[in-house]
Amino acid sequence: MSDNSSVPQLAQTLWAMADQVAKLQAGLSLALSEDGLSVEQFRAMEAITRLESPVMGELVKDTGFANASLSRIIDGLEDQALAYRVPDPSDKRRITVQLSALGVSLFERACGRANQWASATEIKVAN
């Protein structure tokens, strides 16, 4: 048996916060699963919507996902016809990411479910 008194209070606080984040993410994951979305897909869709046709580099910076992880997420959204990559009209070398009409509809529905979940868990969401 170890004594937690030797563990810095800040470390204990960080571990407790990480545990709470994991629980919240599990709840959000359950709410989003009704629409067949993962938390990562939902996060990417939110960034695509907010950034209005971003390039992959902008999405990496905004979401914090690694390049390879984000590429797999976008590939999955494309496979479901929820998003697509398109050349930037002003610079054909740049590839932007956009949600399809189906993606926009699903994202809006998922936002509603996420808001219902947040209300049910009494989470105050910053705007």
N, C-alpha and C. Protein backbone atom coordinates (compact mmCIF):
# COMPACT_ATOMS: atom_id res chain seq x y z
N MET A 1 0.84 -1.17 0.00
CA MET A 1 0.00 0.00 0.00
C MET A 1 0.88 1.24 0.00
N SER A 2 0.56 2.17 -0.87
CA SER A 2 1.35 3.39 -0.91
C SER A 2 0.57 4.54 -0.29
N ASP A 3 1.32 5.47 0.18
CA ASP A 3 0.76 6.65 0.82
C ASP A 3 0.72 7.78 -0.21
N ASN A 4 -0.46 8.32 -0.52
CA ASN A 4 -0.60 9.39 -1.51
C ASN A 4 -0.05 10.73 -1.02
N SER A 5 0.35 10.83 0.23
CA SER A 5 0.83 12.11 0.75
C SER A 5 2.12 12.55 0.07
N SER A 6 2.86 11.60 -0.52
CA SER A 6 4.10 11.97 -1.20
C SER A 6 3.85 12.43 -2.64
N VAL A 7 2.66 12.20 -3.16
CA VAL A 7 2.31 12.63 -4.52
C VAL A 7 1.89 14.10 -4.46
N PRO A 8 2.50 14.93 -5.30
CA PRO A 8 2.13 16.35 -5.28
C PRO A 8 0.63 16.56 -5.51
N GLN A 9 0.06 17.50 -4.82
CA GLN A 9 -1.37 17.80 -4.93
C GLN A 9 -1.75 18.13 -6.37
N LEU A 10 -0.90 18.85 -7.07
CA LEU A 10 -1.19 19.20 -8.46
C LEU A 10 -1.31 17.95 -9.32
N ALA A 11 -0.44 16.98 -9.11
CA ALA A 11 -0.51 15.73 -9.88
C ALA A 11 -1.82 15.01 -9.58
N GLN A 12 -2.21 14.95 -8.32
CA GLN A 12 -3.46 14.30 -7.96
C GLN A 12 -4.65 15.02 -8.61
N THR A 13 -4.59 16.34 -8.64
CA THR A 13 -5.66 17.12 -9.27
C THR A 13 -5.71 16.84 -10.77
N LEU A 14 -4.56 16.79 -11.43
CA LEU A 14 -4.52 16.50 -12.87
C LEU A 14 -5.07 15.11 -13.16
N TRP A 15 -4.73 14.14 -12.33
CA TRP A 15 -5.25 12.79 -12.54
C TRP A 15 -6.76 12.75 -12.36
N ALA A 16 -7.25 13.45 -11.37
CA ALA A 16 -8.70 13.50 -11.15
C ALA A 16 -9.40 14.16 -12.33
N MET A 17 -8.80 15.24 -12.84
CA MET A 17 -9.39 15.91 -14.01
C MET A 17 -9.38 15.00 -15.22
N ALA A 18 -8.28 14.28 -15.44
CA ALA A 18 -8.19 13.36 -16.57
C ALA A 18 -9.26 12.28 -16.47
N ASP A 19 -9.51 11.81 -15.27
CA ASP A 19 -10.54 10.81 -15.05
C ASP A 19 -11.92 11.37 -15.41
N GLN A 20 -12.18 12.61 -15.01
CA GLN A 20 -13.46 13.25 -15.32
C GLN A 20 -13.61 13.47 -16.83
N VAL A 21 -12.54 13.89 -17.49
CA VAL A 21 -12.57 14.09 -18.95
C VAL A 21 -12.89 12.76 -19.64
N ALA A 22 -12.27 11.68 -19.18
CA ALA A 22 -12.52 10.36 -19.78
C ALA A 22 -13.99 9.97 -19.61
N LYS A 23 -14.56 10.25 -18.45
CA LYS A 23 -15.97 9.93 -18.22
C LYS A 23 -16.88 10.79 -19.11
N LEU A 24 -16.55 12.06 -19.24
CA LEU A 24 -17.35 12.95 -20.10
C LEU A 24 -17.24 12.51 -21.56
N GLN A 25 -16.03 12.16 -21.99
CA GLN A 25 -15.86 11.73 -23.37
C GLN A 25 -16.63 10.44 -23.64
N ALA A 26 -16.67 9.55 -22.67
CA ALA A 26 -17.45 8.31 -22.83
C ALA A 26 -18.93 8.62 -22.98
N GLY A 27 -19.43 9.57 -22.20
CA GLY A 27 -20.84 9.96 -22.30
C GLY A 27 -21.14 10.60 -23.64
N LEU A 28 -20.28 11.49 -24.08
CA LEU A 28 -20.47 12.13 -25.38
C LEU A 28 -20.39 11.09 -26.49
N SER A 29 -19.47 10.17 -26.37
CA SER A 29 -19.34 9.10 -27.36
C SER A 29 -20.63 8.30 -27.48
N LEU A 30 -21.23 8.00 -26.35
CA LEU A 30 -22.50 7.26 -26.36
C LEU A 30 -23.60 8.08 -27.05
N ALA A 31 -23.67 9.37 -26.74
CA ALA A 31 -24.69 10.23 -27.36
C ALA A 31 -24.49 10.31 -28.88
N LEU A 32 -23.24 10.44 -29.31
CA LEU A 32 -22.96 10.58 -30.74
C LEU A 32 -23.12 9.26 -31.49
N SER A 33 -22.98 8.15 -30.78
CA SER A 33 -23.09 6.85 -31.44
C SER A 33 -24.47 6.63 -32.04
N GLU A 34 -25.47 7.34 -31.53
CA GLU A 34 -26.81 7.23 -32.10
C GLU A 34 -26.84 7.70 -33.55
N ASP A 35 -25.90 8.59 -33.90
CA ASP A 35 -25.79 9.05 -35.28
C ASP A 35 -24.62 8.39 -36.01
N GLY A 36 -23.99 7.41 -35.37
CA GLY A 36 -22.89 6.70 -36.01
C GLY A 36 -21.60 7.49 -36.08
N LEU A 37 -21.44 8.48 -35.21
CA LEU A 37 -20.24 9.31 -35.21
C LEU A 37 -19.38 9.03 -33.99
N SER A 38 -18.07 9.13 -34.18
CA SER A 38 -17.15 9.09 -33.06
C SER A 38 -16.94 10.52 -32.57
N VAL A 39 -16.40 10.65 -31.38
CA VAL A 39 -16.08 11.98 -30.84
C VAL A 39 -15.08 12.68 -31.76
N GLU A 40 -14.12 11.93 -32.28
CA GLU A 40 -13.11 12.51 -33.17
C GLU A 40 -13.73 13.00 -34.47
N GLN A 41 -14.65 12.24 -35.03
CA GLN A 41 -15.33 12.68 -36.25
C GLN A 41 -16.15 13.94 -35.98
N PHE A 42 -16.85 13.94 -34.87
CA PHE A 42 -17.66 15.10 -34.49
C PHE A 42 -16.78 16.33 -34.33
N ARG A 43 -15.64 16.15 -33.68
CA ARG A 43 -14.71 17.27 -33.48
C ARG A 43 -14.18 17.79 -34.81
N ALA A 44 -13.84 16.89 -35.72
CA ALA A 44 -13.37 17.30 -37.04
C ALA A 44 -14.47 18.03 -37.80
N MET A 45 -15.70 17.52 -37.73
CA MET A 45 -16.82 18.17 -38.42
C MET A 45 -17.07 19.56 -37.86
N GLU A 46 -16.95 19.70 -36.55
CA GLU A 46 -17.13 21.03 -35.94
C GLU A 46 -16.08 21.99 -36.45
N ALA A 47 -14.84 21.55 -36.52
CA ALA A 47 -13.76 22.42 -37.00
C ALA A 47 -13.95 22.77 -38.48
N ILE A 48 -14.35 21.81 -39.29
CA ILE A 48 -14.59 22.07 -40.71
C ILE A 48 -15.69 23.12 -40.86
N THR A 49 -16.74 22.99 -40.08
CA THR A 49 -17.86 23.94 -40.14
C THR A 49 -17.42 25.33 -39.70
N ARG A 50 -16.73 25.39 -38.57
CA ARG A 50 -16.33 26.68 -38.00
C ARG A 50 -15.28 27.38 -38.86
N LEU A 51 -14.33 26.62 -39.41
CA LEU A 51 -13.24 27.21 -40.18
C LEU A 51 -13.61 27.46 -41.65
N GLU A 52 -14.77 26.95 -42.07
CA GLU A 52 -15.28 27.18 -43.43
C GLU A 52 -14.28 26.76 -44.52
N SER A 53 -14.29 25.48 -44.83
CA SER A 53 -13.45 24.89 -45.88
C SER A 53 -11.95 25.04 -45.60
N PRO A 54 -11.50 24.54 -44.47
CA PRO A 54 -10.08 24.66 -44.13
C PRO A 54 -9.22 23.69 -44.93
N VAL A 55 -7.93 23.97 -44.99
CA VAL A 55 -6.97 23.00 -45.53
C VAL A 55 -6.59 22.08 -44.37
N MET A 56 -5.99 20.95 -44.69
CA MET A 56 -5.66 19.96 -43.66
C MET A 56 -4.76 20.55 -42.57
N GLY A 57 -3.80 21.37 -42.95
CA GLY A 57 -2.91 21.97 -41.96
C GLY A 57 -3.66 22.80 -40.94
N GLU A 58 -4.67 23.52 -41.39
CA GLU A 58 -5.48 24.32 -40.46
C GLU A 58 -6.27 23.41 -39.51
N LEU A 59 -6.76 22.30 -40.05
CA LEU A 59 -7.50 21.35 -39.21
C LEU A 59 -6.59 20.69 -38.18
N VAL A 60 -5.37 20.35 -38.58
CA VAL A 60 -4.41 19.76 -37.65
C VAL A 60 -4.14 20.74 -36.51
N LYS A 61 -3.89 21.98 -36.87
CA LYS A 61 -3.58 23.00 -35.86
C LYS A 61 -4.77 23.23 -34.93
N ASP A 62 -5.97 23.28 -35.49
CA ASP A 62 -7.17 23.58 -34.71
C ASP A 62 -7.57 22.43 -33.79
N THR A 63 -7.51 21.20 -34.30
CA THR A 63 -8.00 20.06 -33.53
C THR A 63 -6.94 19.43 -32.63
N GLY A 64 -5.68 19.62 -33.00
CA GLY A 64 -4.61 18.98 -32.24
C GLY A 64 -4.38 17.53 -32.63
N PHE A 65 -5.11 17.04 -33.63
CA PHE A 65 -4.89 15.68 -34.12
C PHE A 65 -3.59 15.62 -34.90
N ALA A 66 -2.91 14.48 -34.86
CA ALA A 66 -1.74 14.26 -35.69
C ALA A 66 -2.19 14.18 -37.16
N ASN A 67 -1.29 14.53 -38.08
CA ASN A 67 -1.62 14.50 -39.51
C ASN A 67 -2.22 13.16 -39.93
N ALA A 68 -1.56 12.07 -39.56
CA ALA A 68 -2.04 10.74 -39.98
C ALA A 68 -3.41 10.43 -39.38
N SER A 69 -3.62 10.80 -38.13
CA SER A 69 -4.92 10.55 -37.48
C SER A 69 -6.01 11.36 -38.16
N LEU A 70 -5.73 12.63 -38.43
CA LEU A 70 -6.73 13.47 -39.08
C LEU A 70 -7.04 12.95 -40.48
N SER A 71 -6.03 12.51 -41.21
CA SER A 71 -6.27 11.96 -42.54
C SER A 71 -7.20 10.76 -42.48
N ARG A 72 -7.00 9.88 -41.48
CA ARG A 72 -7.88 8.72 -41.33
C ARG A 72 -9.30 9.15 -40.97
N ILE A 73 -9.43 10.16 -40.13
CA ILE A 73 -10.76 10.65 -39.76
C ILE A 73 -11.48 11.21 -40.99
N ILE A 74 -10.77 12.05 -41.77
CA ILE A 74 -11.38 12.63 -42.98
C ILE A 74 -11.68 11.54 -43.99
N ASP A 75 -10.78 10.56 -44.14
CA ASP A 75 -11.05 9.43 -45.03
C ASP A 75 -12.35 8.73 -44.63
N GLY A 76 -12.54 8.52 -43.34
CA GLY A 76 -13.76 7.88 -42.85
C GLY A 76 -15.00 8.71 -43.15
N LEU A 77 -14.89 10.03 -42.98
CA LEU A 77 -16.02 10.91 -43.30
C LEU A 77 -16.32 10.87 -44.80
N GLU A 78 -15.27 10.81 -45.61
CA GLU A 78 -15.47 10.70 -47.06
C GLU A 78 -16.13 9.37 -47.43
N ASP A 79 -15.69 8.29 -46.79
CA ASP A 79 -16.26 6.97 -47.06
C ASP A 79 -17.77 6.94 -46.78
N GLN A 80 -18.20 7.76 -45.81
CA GLN A 80 -19.62 7.83 -45.46
C GLN A 80 -20.35 8.94 -46.22
N ALA A 81 -19.65 9.59 -47.16
CA ALA A 81 -20.20 10.69 -47.96
C ALA A 81 -20.60 11.88 -47.09
N LEU A 82 -19.89 12.09 -45.98
CA LEU A 82 -20.18 13.20 -45.07
C LEU A 82 -19.28 14.40 -45.33
N ALA A 83 -18.14 14.17 -45.95
CA ALA A 83 -17.19 15.25 -46.25
C ALA A 83 -16.45 14.90 -47.52
N TYR A 84 -15.79 15.89 -48.07
CA TYR A 84 -14.99 15.65 -49.26
C TYR A 84 -13.87 16.68 -49.32
N ARG A 85 -12.82 16.28 -50.02
CA ARG A 85 -11.67 17.17 -50.25
C ARG A 85 -11.84 17.78 -51.63
N VAL A 86 -11.54 19.05 -51.75
CA VAL A 86 -11.69 19.74 -53.03
C VAL A 86 -10.55 20.75 -53.18
N PRO A 87 -10.03 20.90 -54.40
CA PRO A 87 -8.98 21.91 -54.61
C PRO A 87 -9.49 23.32 -54.31
N ASP A 88 -8.65 24.11 -53.69
CA ASP A 88 -8.97 25.52 -53.43
C ASP A 88 -9.10 26.23 -54.77
N PRO A 89 -10.20 26.96 -55.00
CA PRO A 89 -10.39 27.64 -56.29
C PRO A 89 -9.27 28.63 -56.63
N SER A 90 -8.67 29.23 -55.61
CA SER A 90 -7.64 30.23 -55.87
C SER A 90 -6.23 29.63 -55.99
N ASP A 91 -6.05 28.40 -55.52
CA ASP A 91 -4.74 27.74 -55.57
C ASP A 91 -4.99 26.23 -55.64
N LYS A 92 -4.93 25.68 -56.83
CA LYS A 92 -5.27 24.27 -57.05
C LYS A 92 -4.35 23.31 -56.29
N ARG A 93 -3.20 23.80 -55.80
CA ARG A 93 -2.29 22.94 -55.03
C ARG A 93 -2.81 22.72 -53.61
N ARG A 94 -3.65 23.63 -53.13
CA ARG A 94 -4.20 23.52 -51.78
C ARG A 94 -5.50 22.73 -51.83
N ILE A 95 -5.64 21.79 -50.92
CA ILE A 95 -6.84 20.96 -50.85
C ILE A 95 -7.61 21.35 -49.59
N THR A 96 -8.86 21.75 -49.78
CA THR A 96 -9.71 22.11 -48.65
C THR A 96 -10.63 20.94 -48.31
N VAL A 97 -11.19 21.00 -47.12
CA VAL A 97 -12.14 19.97 -46.68
C VAL A 97 -13.47 20.65 -46.44
N GLN A 98 -14.53 20.04 -46.96
CA GLN A 98 -15.87 20.58 -46.80
C GLN A 98 -16.82 19.46 -46.39
N LEU A 99 -17.86 19.81 -45.67
CA LEU A 99 -18.91 18.85 -45.37
C LEU A 99 -19.87 18.80 -46.55
N SER A 100 -20.37 17.61 -46.84
CA SER A 100 -21.41 17.46 -47.86
C SER A 100 -22.74 17.90 -47.24
N ALA A 101 -23.76 17.97 -48.05
CA ALA A 101 -25.10 18.29 -47.52
C ALA A 101 -25.52 17.25 -46.49
N LEU A 102 -25.23 15.99 -46.76
CA LEU A 102 -25.52 14.92 -45.80
C LEU A 102 -24.71 15.13 -44.51
N GLY A 103 -23.46 15.55 -44.66
CA GLY A 103 -22.61 15.81 -43.50
C GLY A 103 -23.11 16.96 -42.65
N VAL A 104 -23.56 18.02 -43.30
CA VAL A 104 -24.12 19.17 -42.57
C VAL A 104 -25.35 18.75 -41.79
N SER A 105 -26.23 17.98 -42.44
CA SER A 105 -27.46 17.52 -41.79
C SER A 105 -27.13 16.63 -40.59
N LEU A 106 -26.22 15.70 -40.77
CA LEU A 106 -25.85 14.79 -39.69
C LEU A 106 -25.16 15.56 -38.56
N PHE A 107 -24.30 16.51 -38.90
CA PHE A 107 -23.61 17.30 -37.89
C PHE A 107 -24.61 18.10 -37.06
N GLU A 108 -25.59 18.71 -37.71
CA GLU A 108 -26.61 19.47 -36.98
C GLU A 108 -27.40 18.57 -36.04
N ARG A 109 -27.76 17.38 -36.51
CA ARG A 109 -28.49 16.44 -35.67
C ARG A 109 -27.61 16.00 -34.48
N ALA A 110 -26.33 15.74 -34.76
CA ALA A 110 -25.41 15.33 -33.70
C ALA A 110 -25.20 16.46 -32.68
N CYS A 111 -25.20 17.71 -33.15
CA CYS A 111 -25.09 18.84 -32.23
C CYS A 111 -26.28 18.86 -31.28
N GLY A 112 -27.46 18.57 -31.81
CA GLY A 112 -28.65 18.51 -30.96
C GLY A 112 -28.52 17.42 -29.91
N ARG A 113 -28.04 16.25 -30.31
CA ARG A 113 -27.85 15.16 -29.36
C ARG A 113 -26.78 15.53 -28.32
N ALA A 114 -25.71 16.17 -28.77
CA ALA A 114 -24.65 16.58 -27.84
C ALA A 114 -25.18 17.61 -26.85
N ASN A 115 -26.01 18.52 -27.32
CA ASN A 115 -26.60 19.51 -26.42
C ASN A 115 -27.56 18.86 -25.43
N GLN A 116 -28.35 17.88 -25.88
CA GLN A 116 -29.24 17.15 -24.98
C GLN A 116 -28.43 16.42 -23.92
N TRP A 117 -27.36 15.78 -24.35
CA TRP A 117 -26.49 15.07 -23.41
C TRP A 117 -25.88 16.04 -22.40
N ALA A 118 -25.39 17.20 -22.89
CA ALA A 118 -24.79 18.18 -21.99
C ALA A 118 -25.82 18.69 -20.98
N SER A 119 -27.04 18.92 -21.43
CA SER A 119 -28.10 19.37 -20.52
C SER A 119 -28.42 18.31 -19.48
N ALA A 120 -28.47 17.07 -19.92
CA ALA A 120 -28.78 15.97 -19.00
C ALA A 120 -27.69 15.78 -17.95
N THR A 121 -26.47 16.10 -18.30
CA THR A 121 -25.36 15.95 -17.36
C THR A 121 -25.06 17.24 -16.63
N GLU A 122 -25.89 18.26 -16.88
CA GLU A 122 -25.75 19.57 -16.24
C GLU A 122 -24.40 20.22 -16.49
N ILE A 123 -23.88 20.01 -17.69
CA ILE A 123 -22.60 20.61 -18.06
C ILE A 123 -22.88 21.97 -18.67
N LYS A 124 -22.17 22.95 -18.21
CA LYS A 124 -22.29 24.30 -18.76
C LYS A 124 -21.26 24.43 -19.89
N VAL A 125 -21.75 24.63 -21.11
CA VAL A 125 -20.89 24.72 -22.28
C VAL A 125 -20.60 26.19 -22.56
N ALA A 126 -19.32 26.51 -22.71
CA ALA A 126 -18.92 27.88 -23.04
C ALA A 126 -19.26 28.16 -24.49
N ASN A 127 -19.74 29.36 -24.77
CA ASN A 127 -20.04 29.75 -26.16
C ASN A 127 -19.02 30.71 -26.67
